[in-house]
Amino acid sequence: MKKTLWTFGDSFTESFSDSSGIWVKLYCDWKGYTPKVYGEILADTFNFNLMNYGRGGIDNYSIFQNVCNISNKILPNDIIIIGWTSVTRFRLVDKWGEWKPIIPKFARNMRNLEDVSNDTLEEILINRTKSNYTDEVHSWIKLLNIAFPNNLIIHWSPLDRGVSKNYIENLTKIKDESNGLIDDGHYGEVGHNQLANIFSSMINSNTSIRII
């Protein structure tokens, strides 16, 4: 039976083909095709099934809930990669009863929120710079490591050095790859291949990143 690779995270994990981001369209138009992200590259390399739960703009609460929601489907020896995002992000329930991610400096934060003021959001975002919120994510990671003792599980972060010691930086971003033509800080095809190479080494050596 083929192993399944489960990937969770934000826009650094989401497939380009699933994203509605303007930056993705600009980048894919510039490339002339839709490149693969690291999860897709790893699935091809190791002949894994891929279940990608990366979603652009997502917060850590939603990332953790996504793992919890499908935890019963993860089999022993499957591979789990969780890309935690910035702890300053959080979520609120909008007027449609749906979770809405709140991201620093995003004008769309107020869209479809009826019972929260902009001042309240700003105060919460400032409060979330405290280290307690990093400790909160660490407790989730500790729980997940215990919950999946028979899986290679890799925790990393593209945005928050405090969340994981496996904070990965200095990879080629879209801005670098396009020589500044597209001013965006996400990984493009080159960066995702670099990231896939890092994770490939961990998978080949059966090295879990379990410790914060």
N, C-alpha and C. Protein backbone atom coordinates (compact mmCIF):
# COMPACT_ATOMS: atom_id res chain seq x y z
N MET A 1 0.84 -1.20 0.00
CA MET A 1 0.00 0.00 0.00
C MET A 1 0.87 1.25 0.00
N LYS A 2 0.52 2.21 -0.86
CA LYS A 2 1.28 3.45 -0.92
C LYS A 2 1.08 4.26 0.35
N LYS A 3 2.16 4.89 0.81
CA LYS A 3 2.05 5.82 1.93
C LYS A 3 1.35 7.10 1.46
N THR A 4 0.75 7.78 2.40
CA THR A 4 0.15 9.08 2.11
C THR A 4 0.98 10.18 2.76
N LEU A 5 1.21 11.23 2.03
CA LEU A 5 1.85 12.43 2.55
C LEU A 5 0.76 13.44 2.86
N TRP A 6 0.67 13.83 4.13
CA TRP A 6 -0.32 14.80 4.57
C TRP A 6 0.40 16.13 4.81
N THR A 7 -0.01 17.17 4.10
CA THR A 7 0.62 18.48 4.29
C THR A 7 -0.41 19.50 4.76
N PHE A 8 -0.02 20.29 5.74
CA PHE A 8 -0.89 21.30 6.33
C PHE A 8 -0.12 22.62 6.40
N GLY A 9 -0.83 23.72 6.25
CA GLY A 9 -0.16 25.01 6.35
C GLY A 9 -0.94 26.11 5.65
N ASP A 10 -0.22 27.18 5.35
CA ASP A 10 -0.83 28.36 4.74
C ASP A 10 -0.49 28.43 3.25
N SER A 11 -0.31 29.63 2.72
CA SER A 11 -0.06 29.79 1.29
C SER A 11 1.29 29.26 0.85
N PHE A 12 2.19 28.97 1.79
CA PHE A 12 3.48 28.37 1.44
C PHE A 12 3.33 26.86 1.21
N THR A 13 2.16 26.32 1.52
CA THR A 13 1.88 24.89 1.33
C THR A 13 0.80 24.65 0.28
N GLU A 14 -0.14 25.57 0.18
CA GLU A 14 -1.26 25.43 -0.76
C GLU A 14 -0.76 25.25 -2.20
N SER A 15 -1.43 24.38 -2.93
CA SER A 15 -1.09 24.17 -4.33
C SER A 15 -1.38 25.41 -5.15
N PHE A 16 -0.51 25.72 -6.09
CA PHE A 16 -0.77 26.86 -6.97
C PHE A 16 -2.07 26.67 -7.74
N SER A 17 -2.38 25.43 -8.08
CA SER A 17 -3.59 25.16 -8.86
C SER A 17 -4.86 25.36 -8.05
N ASP A 18 -4.76 25.37 -6.72
CA ASP A 18 -5.92 25.56 -5.85
C ASP A 18 -6.07 26.99 -5.36
N SER A 19 -5.06 27.80 -5.54
CA SER A 19 -5.05 29.14 -4.96
C SER A 19 -5.80 30.14 -5.83
N SER A 20 -6.44 31.10 -5.16
CA SER A 20 -7.10 32.19 -5.87
C SER A 20 -6.34 33.50 -5.70
N GLY A 21 -5.13 33.43 -5.15
CA GLY A 21 -4.34 34.63 -4.90
C GLY A 21 -3.92 35.32 -6.19
N ILE A 22 -3.97 36.64 -6.17
CA ILE A 22 -3.56 37.41 -7.35
C ILE A 22 -2.09 37.15 -7.66
N TRP A 23 -1.28 37.03 -6.61
CA TRP A 23 0.15 36.79 -6.81
C TRP A 23 0.39 35.46 -7.52
N VAL A 24 -0.47 34.48 -7.27
CA VAL A 24 -0.32 33.17 -7.93
C VAL A 24 -0.61 33.30 -9.42
N LYS A 25 -1.65 34.03 -9.76
CA LYS A 25 -1.98 34.21 -11.18
C LYS A 25 -0.86 34.95 -11.91
N LEU A 26 -0.33 36.00 -11.27
CA LEU A 26 0.77 36.75 -11.88
C LEU A 26 1.98 35.86 -12.10
N TYR A 27 2.27 35.04 -11.09
CA TYR A 27 3.45 34.18 -11.17
C TYR A 27 3.27 33.09 -12.23
N CYS A 28 2.11 32.43 -12.23
CA CYS A 28 1.88 31.35 -13.20
C CYS A 28 1.81 31.90 -14.62
N ASP A 29 1.26 33.10 -14.78
CA ASP A 29 1.24 33.72 -16.11
C ASP A 29 2.67 34.01 -16.56
N TRP A 30 3.51 34.44 -15.64
CA TRP A 30 4.91 34.74 -15.97
C TRP A 30 5.66 33.45 -16.33
N LYS A 31 5.37 32.37 -15.59
CA LYS A 31 6.03 31.09 -15.87
C LYS A 31 5.51 30.47 -17.17
N GLY A 32 4.24 30.69 -17.46
CA GLY A 32 3.63 30.07 -18.63
C GLY A 32 3.04 28.70 -18.34
N TYR A 33 3.05 28.29 -17.07
CA TYR A 33 2.46 27.03 -16.63
C TYR A 33 2.31 27.09 -15.12
N THR A 34 1.67 26.08 -14.55
CA THR A 34 1.46 26.03 -13.10
C THR A 34 2.49 25.11 -12.46
N PRO A 35 3.45 25.67 -11.73
CA PRO A 35 4.49 24.83 -11.10
C PRO A 35 3.92 24.00 -9.95
N LYS A 36 4.72 23.06 -9.47
CA LYS A 36 4.34 22.24 -8.34
C LYS A 36 4.91 22.81 -7.04
N VAL A 37 4.16 22.63 -5.97
CA VAL A 37 4.66 23.02 -4.65
C VAL A 37 5.35 21.82 -4.01
N TYR A 38 5.98 22.05 -2.85
CA TYR A 38 6.85 21.01 -2.28
C TYR A 38 6.14 19.69 -2.03
N GLY A 39 4.86 19.74 -1.61
CA GLY A 39 4.14 18.50 -1.35
C GLY A 39 3.95 17.68 -2.61
N GLU A 40 3.66 18.36 -3.71
CA GLU A 40 3.47 17.67 -4.99
C GLU A 40 4.79 17.09 -5.49
N ILE A 41 5.87 17.83 -5.28
CA ILE A 41 7.19 17.34 -5.69
C ILE A 41 7.57 16.10 -4.88
N LEU A 42 7.33 16.14 -3.57
CA LEU A 42 7.66 14.98 -2.72
C LEU A 42 6.80 13.77 -3.08
N ALA A 43 5.53 14.01 -3.38
CA ALA A 43 4.65 12.90 -3.74
C ALA A 43 5.14 12.22 -5.02
N ASP A 44 5.61 13.02 -5.97
CA ASP A 44 6.15 12.46 -7.21
C ASP A 44 7.45 11.71 -6.95
N THR A 45 8.30 12.28 -6.12
CA THR A 45 9.61 11.71 -5.85
C THR A 45 9.52 10.35 -5.15
N PHE A 46 8.62 10.26 -4.16
CA PHE A 46 8.53 9.05 -3.34
C PHE A 46 7.33 8.17 -3.69
N ASN A 47 6.57 8.56 -4.70
CA ASN A 47 5.37 7.82 -5.09
C ASN A 47 4.38 7.73 -3.93
N PHE A 48 4.16 8.88 -3.27
CA PHE A 48 3.18 8.97 -2.19
C PHE A 48 1.83 9.41 -2.75
N ASN A 49 0.77 9.01 -2.07
CA ASN A 49 -0.50 9.73 -2.23
C ASN A 49 -0.35 11.07 -1.53
N LEU A 50 -0.97 12.10 -2.03
CA LEU A 50 -0.86 13.42 -1.41
C LEU A 50 -2.22 13.92 -0.99
N MET A 51 -2.30 14.35 0.28
CA MET A 51 -3.47 15.05 0.79
C MET A 51 -2.98 16.40 1.30
N ASN A 52 -3.28 17.45 0.53
CA ASN A 52 -2.75 18.78 0.83
C ASN A 52 -3.85 19.65 1.43
N TYR A 53 -3.64 20.04 2.70
CA TYR A 53 -4.59 20.90 3.39
C TYR A 53 -4.03 22.31 3.58
N GLY A 54 -3.10 22.70 2.73
CA GLY A 54 -2.60 24.06 2.77
C GLY A 54 -3.65 25.02 2.24
N ARG A 55 -3.87 26.13 2.95
CA ARG A 55 -4.85 27.13 2.54
C ARG A 55 -4.27 28.52 2.74
N GLY A 56 -4.33 29.33 1.72
CA GLY A 56 -3.77 30.67 1.80
C GLY A 56 -4.45 31.51 2.86
N GLY A 57 -3.64 32.26 3.63
CA GLY A 57 -4.17 33.18 4.64
C GLY A 57 -4.66 32.53 5.91
N ILE A 58 -4.42 31.23 6.06
CA ILE A 58 -4.93 30.49 7.21
C ILE A 58 -4.15 30.84 8.47
N ASP A 59 -4.75 30.59 9.63
CA ASP A 59 -4.12 30.83 10.93
C ASP A 59 -3.78 29.50 11.58
N ASN A 60 -3.00 29.56 12.66
CA ASN A 60 -2.56 28.32 13.31
C ASN A 60 -3.72 27.54 13.94
N TYR A 61 -4.75 28.24 14.40
CA TYR A 61 -5.90 27.55 14.98
C TYR A 61 -6.56 26.65 13.93
N SER A 62 -6.70 27.19 12.72
CA SER A 62 -7.32 26.42 11.65
C SER A 62 -6.41 25.30 11.17
N ILE A 63 -5.11 25.55 11.15
CA ILE A 63 -4.16 24.50 10.78
C ILE A 63 -4.27 23.33 11.76
N PHE A 64 -4.28 23.66 13.05
CA PHE A 64 -4.39 22.62 14.08
C PHE A 64 -5.72 21.88 13.96
N GLN A 65 -6.81 22.62 13.73
CA GLN A 65 -8.12 21.98 13.59
C GLN A 65 -8.17 21.08 12.37
N ASN A 66 -7.52 21.49 11.27
CA ASN A 66 -7.49 20.64 10.08
C ASN A 66 -6.83 19.30 10.37
N VAL A 67 -5.75 19.33 11.14
CA VAL A 67 -5.08 18.08 11.52
C VAL A 67 -6.01 17.23 12.38
N CYS A 68 -6.66 17.87 13.36
CA CYS A 68 -7.56 17.15 14.26
C CYS A 68 -8.72 16.52 13.48
N ASN A 69 -9.26 17.26 12.53
CA ASN A 69 -10.45 16.80 11.81
C ASN A 69 -10.21 15.51 11.02
N ILE A 70 -8.99 15.33 10.53
CA ILE A 70 -8.73 14.14 9.70
C ILE A 70 -7.75 13.19 10.39
N SER A 71 -7.52 13.37 11.67
CA SER A 71 -6.53 12.57 12.39
C SER A 71 -6.83 11.08 12.33
N ASN A 72 -8.11 10.72 12.26
CA ASN A 72 -8.48 9.31 12.22
C ASN A 72 -8.17 8.66 10.87
N LYS A 73 -7.87 9.46 9.85
CA LYS A 73 -7.57 8.94 8.53
C LYS A 73 -6.08 8.71 8.30
N ILE A 74 -5.25 9.25 9.19
CA ILE A 74 -3.80 9.12 9.05
C ILE A 74 -3.37 7.75 9.56
N LEU A 75 -2.75 6.99 8.68
CA LEU A 75 -2.34 5.62 9.02
C LEU A 75 -0.90 5.59 9.52
N PRO A 76 -0.54 4.56 10.30
CA PRO A 76 0.85 4.41 10.72
C PRO A 76 1.77 4.40 9.51
N ASN A 77 2.88 5.06 9.63
CA ASN A 77 3.91 5.16 8.59
C ASN A 77 3.60 6.19 7.51
N ASP A 78 2.42 6.84 7.55
CA ASP A 78 2.20 7.99 6.68
C ASP A 78 3.13 9.12 7.11
N ILE A 79 3.37 10.04 6.22
CA ILE A 79 4.24 11.19 6.49
C ILE A 79 3.38 12.42 6.73
N ILE A 80 3.71 13.19 7.76
CA ILE A 80 2.96 14.41 8.09
C ILE A 80 3.91 15.60 8.09
N ILE A 81 3.57 16.63 7.34
CA ILE A 81 4.35 17.87 7.33
C ILE A 81 3.41 19.02 7.67
N ILE A 82 3.74 19.74 8.73
CA ILE A 82 2.89 20.85 9.18
C ILE A 82 3.69 22.15 9.13
N GLY A 83 3.25 23.06 8.30
CA GLY A 83 3.88 24.37 8.19
C GLY A 83 3.11 25.39 9.00
N TRP A 84 3.58 25.65 10.22
CA TRP A 84 2.90 26.61 11.09
C TRP A 84 3.13 28.03 10.60
N THR A 85 2.14 28.87 10.75
CA THR A 85 2.24 30.25 10.28
C THR A 85 2.50 31.20 11.45
N SER A 86 2.41 32.49 11.22
CA SER A 86 2.69 33.49 12.25
C SER A 86 1.65 33.44 13.38
N VAL A 87 2.11 33.51 14.62
CA VAL A 87 1.18 33.46 15.75
C VAL A 87 0.38 34.75 15.89
N THR A 88 0.75 35.80 15.18
CA THR A 88 -0.06 37.02 15.25
C THR A 88 -1.41 36.84 14.54
N ARG A 89 -1.51 35.88 13.66
CA ARG A 89 -2.79 35.59 13.02
C ARG A 89 -3.73 34.89 13.99
N PHE A 90 -5.02 35.19 13.86
CA PHE A 90 -6.02 34.46 14.64
C PHE A 90 -7.28 34.39 13.80
N ARG A 91 -8.39 34.00 14.39
CA ARG A 91 -9.63 33.86 13.62
C ARG A 91 -10.84 34.27 14.44
N LEU A 92 -11.86 34.74 13.75
CA LEU A 92 -13.14 35.09 14.36
C LEU A 92 -14.25 34.51 13.48
N VAL A 93 -15.45 34.45 14.03
CA VAL A 93 -16.59 33.97 13.27
C VAL A 93 -17.26 35.15 12.59
N ASP A 94 -17.46 35.07 11.27
CA ASP A 94 -18.07 36.17 10.53
C ASP A 94 -19.59 36.07 10.54
N LYS A 95 -20.25 36.98 9.85
CA LYS A 95 -21.72 37.04 9.88
C LYS A 95 -22.37 35.84 9.21
N TRP A 96 -21.59 35.06 8.46
CA TRP A 96 -22.11 33.86 7.82
C TRP A 96 -21.89 32.62 8.68
N GLY A 97 -21.31 32.83 9.87
CA GLY A 97 -21.05 31.69 10.75
C GLY A 97 -19.84 30.89 10.35
N GLU A 98 -18.94 31.50 9.58
CA GLU A 98 -17.73 30.82 9.11
C GLU A 98 -16.50 31.43 9.79
N TRP A 99 -15.48 30.59 9.97
CA TRP A 99 -14.23 31.10 10.51
C TRP A 99 -13.57 32.05 9.51
N LYS A 100 -13.14 33.18 10.00
CA LYS A 100 -12.48 34.18 9.16
C LYS A 100 -11.10 34.47 9.74
N PRO A 101 -10.04 34.23 8.98
CA PRO A 101 -8.69 34.53 9.48
C PRO A 101 -8.45 36.03 9.55
N ILE A 102 -7.81 36.44 10.61
CA ILE A 102 -7.45 37.85 10.80
C ILE A 102 -5.93 37.96 10.68
N ILE A 103 -5.48 38.77 9.73
CA ILE A 103 -4.06 38.86 9.41
C ILE A 103 -3.59 40.30 9.59
N PRO A 104 -2.46 40.55 10.25
CA PRO A 104 -1.96 41.91 10.43
C PRO A 104 -1.85 42.67 9.11
N LYS A 105 -2.31 43.92 9.12
CA LYS A 105 -2.16 44.86 8.00
C LYS A 105 -2.98 44.50 6.77
N PHE A 106 -3.98 43.64 6.92
CA PHE A 106 -4.84 43.30 5.80
C PHE A 106 -6.14 44.09 5.90
N ALA A 107 -6.44 44.89 4.88
CA ALA A 107 -7.65 45.71 4.89
C ALA A 107 -8.91 44.86 4.91
N ARG A 108 -8.83 43.65 4.39
CA ARG A 108 -10.02 42.80 4.31
C ARG A 108 -10.41 42.20 5.65
N ASN A 109 -9.65 42.49 6.72
CA ASN A 109 -9.97 41.93 8.03
C ASN A 109 -11.40 42.24 8.46
N MET A 110 -11.89 43.44 8.13
CA MET A 110 -13.20 43.87 8.61
C MET A 110 -14.34 43.33 7.75
N ARG A 111 -14.02 42.75 6.61
CA ARG A 111 -15.06 42.28 5.71
C ARG A 111 -15.90 41.17 6.35
N ASN A 112 -17.21 41.37 6.37
CA ASN A 112 -18.18 40.39 6.88
C ASN A 112 -18.09 40.16 8.39
N LEU A 113 -17.48 41.10 9.11
CA LEU A 113 -17.50 41.06 10.57
C LEU A 113 -18.49 42.12 11.05
N GLU A 114 -19.49 41.70 11.82
CA GLU A 114 -20.55 42.63 12.22
C GLU A 114 -20.41 43.11 13.66
N ASP A 115 -19.74 42.34 14.50
CA ASP A 115 -19.79 42.64 15.93
C ASP A 115 -18.42 42.94 16.54
N VAL A 116 -17.45 43.27 15.70
CA VAL A 116 -16.10 43.57 16.18
C VAL A 116 -15.61 44.85 15.49
N SER A 117 -15.04 45.76 16.26
CA SER A 117 -14.56 47.01 15.69
C SER A 117 -13.12 46.87 15.21
N ASN A 118 -12.72 47.78 14.35
CA ASN A 118 -11.34 47.78 13.87
C ASN A 118 -10.36 48.01 15.01
N ASP A 119 -10.75 48.87 15.96
CA ASP A 119 -9.89 49.13 17.12
C ASP A 119 -9.66 47.86 17.93
N THR A 120 -10.72 47.07 18.09
CA THR A 120 -10.60 45.80 18.82
C THR A 120 -9.63 44.86 18.13
N LEU A 121 -9.74 44.77 16.80
CA LEU A 121 -8.83 43.91 16.05
C LEU A 121 -7.39 44.35 16.22
N GLU A 122 -7.17 45.65 16.14
CA GLU A 122 -5.81 46.17 16.28
C GLU A 122 -5.25 45.87 17.67
N GLU A 123 -6.08 46.00 18.69
CA GLU A 123 -5.63 45.73 20.06
C GLU A 123 -5.29 44.24 20.24
N ILE A 124 -6.11 43.37 19.66
CA ILE A 124 -5.84 41.93 19.75
C ILE A 124 -4.55 41.59 19.02
N LEU A 125 -4.35 42.16 17.84
CA LEU A 125 -3.13 41.89 17.07
C LEU A 125 -1.88 42.31 17.84
N ILE A 126 -1.96 43.43 18.54
CA ILE A 126 -0.83 43.87 19.36
C ILE A 126 -0.61 42.89 20.51
N ASN A 127 -1.71 42.47 21.14
CA ASN A 127 -1.61 41.52 22.25
C ASN A 127 -0.97 40.21 21.82
N ARG A 128 -1.20 39.82 20.58
CA ARG A 128 -0.72 38.52 20.10
C ARG A 128 0.78 38.51 19.80
N THR A 129 1.45 39.61 19.98
CA THR A 129 2.90 39.62 19.84
C THR A 129 3.59 39.04 21.08
N LYS A 130 2.84 38.78 22.13
CA LYS A 130 3.41 38.23 23.37
C LYS A 130 3.77 36.75 23.18
N SER A 131 4.75 36.31 23.93
CA SER A 131 5.29 34.95 23.76
C SER A 131 4.33 33.85 24.16
N ASN A 132 3.28 34.19 24.91
CA ASN A 132 2.31 33.17 25.33
C ASN A 132 1.71 32.45 24.13
N TYR A 133 1.52 33.16 23.03
CA TYR A 133 0.89 32.56 21.87
C TYR A 133 1.83 31.58 21.15
N THR A 134 3.12 31.83 21.27
CA THR A 134 4.09 30.86 20.75
C THR A 134 4.07 29.61 21.61
N ASP A 135 4.00 29.79 22.93
CA ASP A 135 3.92 28.64 23.84
C ASP A 135 2.67 27.81 23.56
N GLU A 136 1.60 28.50 23.18
CA GLU A 136 0.35 27.80 22.87
C GLU A 136 0.55 26.83 21.71
N VAL A 137 1.20 27.29 20.64
CA VAL A 137 1.45 26.42 19.49
C VAL A 137 2.39 25.28 19.88
N HIS A 138 3.36 25.57 20.73
CA HIS A 138 4.27 24.52 21.19
C HIS A 138 3.51 23.40 21.90
N SER A 139 2.47 23.76 22.65
CA SER A 139 1.69 22.74 23.36
C SER A 139 0.92 21.88 22.36
N TRP A 140 0.43 22.49 21.28
CA TRP A 140 -0.26 21.71 20.23
C TRP A 140 0.72 20.74 19.57
N ILE A 141 1.91 21.22 19.30
CA ILE A 141 2.91 20.38 18.64
C ILE A 141 3.27 19.19 19.54
N LYS A 142 3.41 19.46 20.82
CA LYS A 142 3.71 18.38 21.76
C LYS A 142 2.61 17.32 21.73
N LEU A 143 1.35 17.77 21.71
CA LEU A 143 0.22 16.85 21.67
C LEU A 143 0.22 16.04 20.37
N LEU A 144 0.47 16.70 19.24
CA LEU A 144 0.47 16.01 17.95
C LEU A 144 1.59 14.98 17.87
N ASN A 145 2.73 15.30 18.45
CA ASN A 145 3.84 14.35 18.45
C ASN A 145 3.48 13.08 19.22
N ILE A 146 2.73 13.25 20.32
CA ILE A 146 2.29 12.10 21.11
C ILE A 146 1.19 11.34 20.37
N ALA A 147 0.34 12.09 19.65
CA ALA A 147 -0.80 11.47 18.96
C ALA A 147 -0.37 10.62 17.76
N PHE A 148 0.80 10.93 17.18
CA PHE A 148 1.26 10.21 15.99
C PHE A 148 2.66 9.60 16.24
N PRO A 149 2.76 8.65 17.16
CA PRO A 149 4.06 8.08 17.51
C PRO A 149 4.66 7.22 16.40
N ASN A 150 3.83 6.74 15.48
CA ASN A 150 4.31 5.85 14.43
C ASN A 150 4.45 6.54 13.08
N ASN A 151 4.44 7.86 13.10
CA ASN A 151 4.55 8.62 11.85
C ASN A 151 5.77 9.51 11.87
N LEU A 152 6.39 9.66 10.71
CA LEU A 152 7.41 10.68 10.58
C LEU A 152 6.66 12.01 10.46
N ILE A 153 6.87 12.90 11.41
CA ILE A 153 6.15 14.17 11.45
C ILE A 153 7.16 15.33 11.45
N ILE A 154 6.98 16.23 10.54
CA ILE A 154 7.90 17.36 10.38
C ILE A 154 7.13 18.66 10.65
N HIS A 155 7.58 19.39 11.66
CA HIS A 155 7.03 20.72 11.94
C HIS A 155 8.01 21.76 11.42
N TRP A 156 7.50 22.76 10.74
CA TRP A 156 8.38 23.82 10.25
C TRP A 156 7.56 25.10 10.15
N SER A 157 8.22 26.20 9.87
CA SER A 157 7.50 27.46 9.68
C SER A 157 8.22 28.33 8.66
N PRO A 158 7.48 28.88 7.69
CA PRO A 158 8.08 29.80 6.74
C PRO A 158 8.03 31.24 7.22
N LEU A 159 7.29 31.50 8.33
CA LEU A 159 7.03 32.88 8.74
C LEU A 159 7.40 33.22 10.17
N ASP A 160 7.53 32.23 11.04
CA ASP A 160 7.67 32.52 12.47
C ASP A 160 8.82 31.72 13.07
N ARG A 161 9.92 32.40 13.34
CA ARG A 161 11.10 31.75 13.90
C ARG A 161 10.82 31.18 15.29
N GLY A 162 9.91 31.82 16.04
CA GLY A 162 9.64 31.38 17.40
C GLY A 162 8.86 30.09 17.48
N VAL A 163 8.05 29.80 16.47
CA VAL A 163 7.19 28.63 16.52
C VAL A 163 7.99 27.34 16.43
N SER A 164 8.99 27.30 15.57
CA SER A 164 9.73 26.06 15.37
C SER A 164 11.21 26.33 15.18
N LYS A 165 12.05 25.47 15.77
CA LYS A 165 13.49 25.55 15.50
C LYS A 165 13.76 25.25 14.04
N ASN A 166 12.81 24.57 13.40
CA ASN A 166 12.95 24.25 11.99
C ASN A 166 12.37 25.38 11.14
N TYR A 167 12.70 26.62 11.54
CA TYR A 167 12.32 27.79 10.75
C TYR A 167 13.21 27.81 9.51
N ILE A 168 12.59 27.78 8.36
CA ILE A 168 13.36 27.67 7.11
C ILE A 168 13.36 29.00 6.39
N GLU A 169 14.55 29.51 6.13
CA GLU A 169 14.67 30.79 5.45
C GLU A 169 15.75 30.67 4.36
N ASN A 170 15.98 31.78 3.69
CA ASN A 170 17.01 31.87 2.64
C ASN A 170 16.72 30.97 1.45
N LEU A 171 15.46 30.63 1.24
CA LEU A 171 15.09 29.93 0.02
C LEU A 171 14.70 30.96 -1.04
N THR A 172 14.76 30.56 -2.28
CA THR A 172 14.49 31.50 -3.37
C THR A 172 13.01 31.84 -3.43
N LYS A 173 12.72 33.12 -3.34
CA LYS A 173 11.35 33.61 -3.39
C LYS A 173 11.00 34.05 -4.80
N ILE A 174 9.71 34.25 -5.03
CA ILE A 174 9.24 34.65 -6.35
C ILE A 174 9.91 35.95 -6.81
N LYS A 175 10.09 36.87 -5.88
CA LYS A 175 10.74 38.14 -6.23
C LYS A 175 12.15 37.89 -6.76
N ASP A 176 12.86 36.97 -6.13
CA ASP A 176 14.23 36.65 -6.57
C ASP A 176 14.21 35.91 -7.90
N GLU A 177 13.33 34.93 -8.00
CA GLU A 177 13.26 34.12 -9.21
C GLU A 177 12.91 34.95 -10.44
N SER A 178 12.04 35.95 -10.25
CA SER A 178 11.59 36.77 -11.38
C SER A 178 12.43 38.03 -11.54
N ASN A 179 13.54 38.10 -10.79
CA ASN A 179 14.41 39.29 -10.83
C ASN A 179 13.65 40.57 -10.54
N GLY A 180 12.72 40.49 -9.58
CA GLY A 180 11.99 41.66 -9.13
C GLY A 180 10.76 42.01 -9.96
N LEU A 181 10.53 41.28 -11.03
CA LEU A 181 9.37 41.57 -11.87
C LEU A 181 8.07 41.37 -11.10
N ILE A 182 8.04 40.30 -10.28
CA ILE A 182 6.88 40.04 -9.42
C ILE A 182 7.33 40.22 -7.98
N ASP A 183 6.87 41.26 -7.34
CA ASP A 183 7.33 41.61 -6.00
C ASP A 183 6.54 40.82 -4.96
N ASP A 184 6.94 39.56 -4.75
CA ASP A 184 6.22 38.70 -3.83
C ASP A 184 7.19 37.82 -3.05
N GLY A 185 6.87 37.61 -1.76
CA GLY A 185 7.78 36.88 -0.89
C GLY A 185 7.50 35.41 -0.73
N HIS A 186 6.55 34.85 -1.48
CA HIS A 186 6.30 33.41 -1.42
C HIS A 186 7.38 32.66 -2.21
N TYR A 187 7.44 31.36 -1.99
CA TYR A 187 8.34 30.52 -2.77
C TYR A 187 7.72 30.26 -4.14
N GLY A 188 8.54 30.33 -5.16
CA GLY A 188 8.12 29.93 -6.49
C GLY A 188 8.61 28.52 -6.76
N GLU A 189 8.74 28.17 -8.01
CA GLU A 189 9.15 26.82 -8.38
C GLU A 189 10.53 26.49 -7.83
N VAL A 190 11.45 27.43 -7.92
CA VAL A 190 12.81 27.17 -7.42
C VAL A 190 12.80 26.97 -5.92
N GLY A 191 12.10 27.84 -5.19
CA GLY A 191 12.05 27.73 -3.74
C GLY A 191 11.37 26.46 -3.27
N HIS A 192 10.31 26.05 -3.96
CA HIS A 192 9.62 24.82 -3.56
C HIS A 192 10.48 23.59 -3.84
N ASN A 193 11.27 23.62 -4.89
CA ASN A 193 12.20 22.52 -5.13
C ASN A 193 13.28 22.48 -4.05
N GLN A 194 13.76 23.63 -3.62
CA GLN A 194 14.74 23.67 -2.54
C GLN A 194 14.14 23.11 -1.25
N LEU A 195 12.89 23.51 -0.96
CA LEU A 195 12.22 23.03 0.24
C LEU A 195 11.99 21.52 0.15
N ALA A 196 11.58 21.04 -1.00
CA ALA A 196 11.36 19.61 -1.19
C ALA A 196 12.65 18.83 -0.99
N ASN A 197 13.78 19.39 -1.41
CA ASN A 197 15.06 18.72 -1.19
C ASN A 197 15.38 18.59 0.29
N ILE A 198 15.06 19.64 1.07
CA ILE A 198 15.29 19.59 2.52
C ILE A 198 14.45 18.48 3.15
N PHE A 199 13.18 18.45 2.78
CA PHE A 199 12.29 17.45 3.34
C PHE A 199 12.61 16.04 2.83
N SER A 200 13.09 15.95 1.60
CA SER A 200 13.48 14.64 1.06
C SER A 200 14.58 14.02 1.90
N SER A 201 15.55 14.84 2.31
CA SER A 201 16.65 14.34 3.14
C SER A 201 16.13 13.81 4.47
N MET A 202 15.15 14.52 5.05
CA MET A 202 14.57 14.09 6.31
C MET A 202 13.80 12.78 6.14
N ILE A 203 13.07 12.66 5.04
CA ILE A 203 12.29 11.44 4.79
C ILE A 203 13.23 10.25 4.54
N ASN A 204 14.28 10.49 3.77
CA ASN A 204 15.24 9.41 3.49
C ASN A 204 15.95 8.93 4.74
N SER A 205 16.20 9.85 5.66
CA SER A 205 16.90 9.48 6.89
C SER A 205 15.92 9.17 8.03
N ASN A 206 14.60 9.24 7.71
CA ASN A 206 13.56 9.01 8.71
C ASN A 206 13.73 9.92 9.91
N THR A 207 14.00 11.19 9.63
CA THR A 207 14.26 12.17 10.67
C THR A 207 13.01 13.01 10.92
N SER A 208 12.37 12.81 12.06
CA SER A 208 11.23 13.62 12.45
C SER A 208 11.70 14.89 13.11
N ILE A 209 11.05 15.98 12.82
CA ILE A 209 11.30 17.23 13.55
C ILE A 209 10.18 17.37 14.56
N ARG A 210 10.42 16.81 15.75
CA ARG A 210 9.40 16.74 16.76
C ARG A 210 9.65 17.70 17.91
N ILE A 211 10.85 18.20 18.03
CA ILE A 211 11.21 18.99 19.19
C ILE A 211 11.27 20.45 18.82
N ILE A 212 10.66 21.27 19.62
CA ILE A 212 10.65 22.73 19.35
C ILE A 212 11.94 23.35 19.86
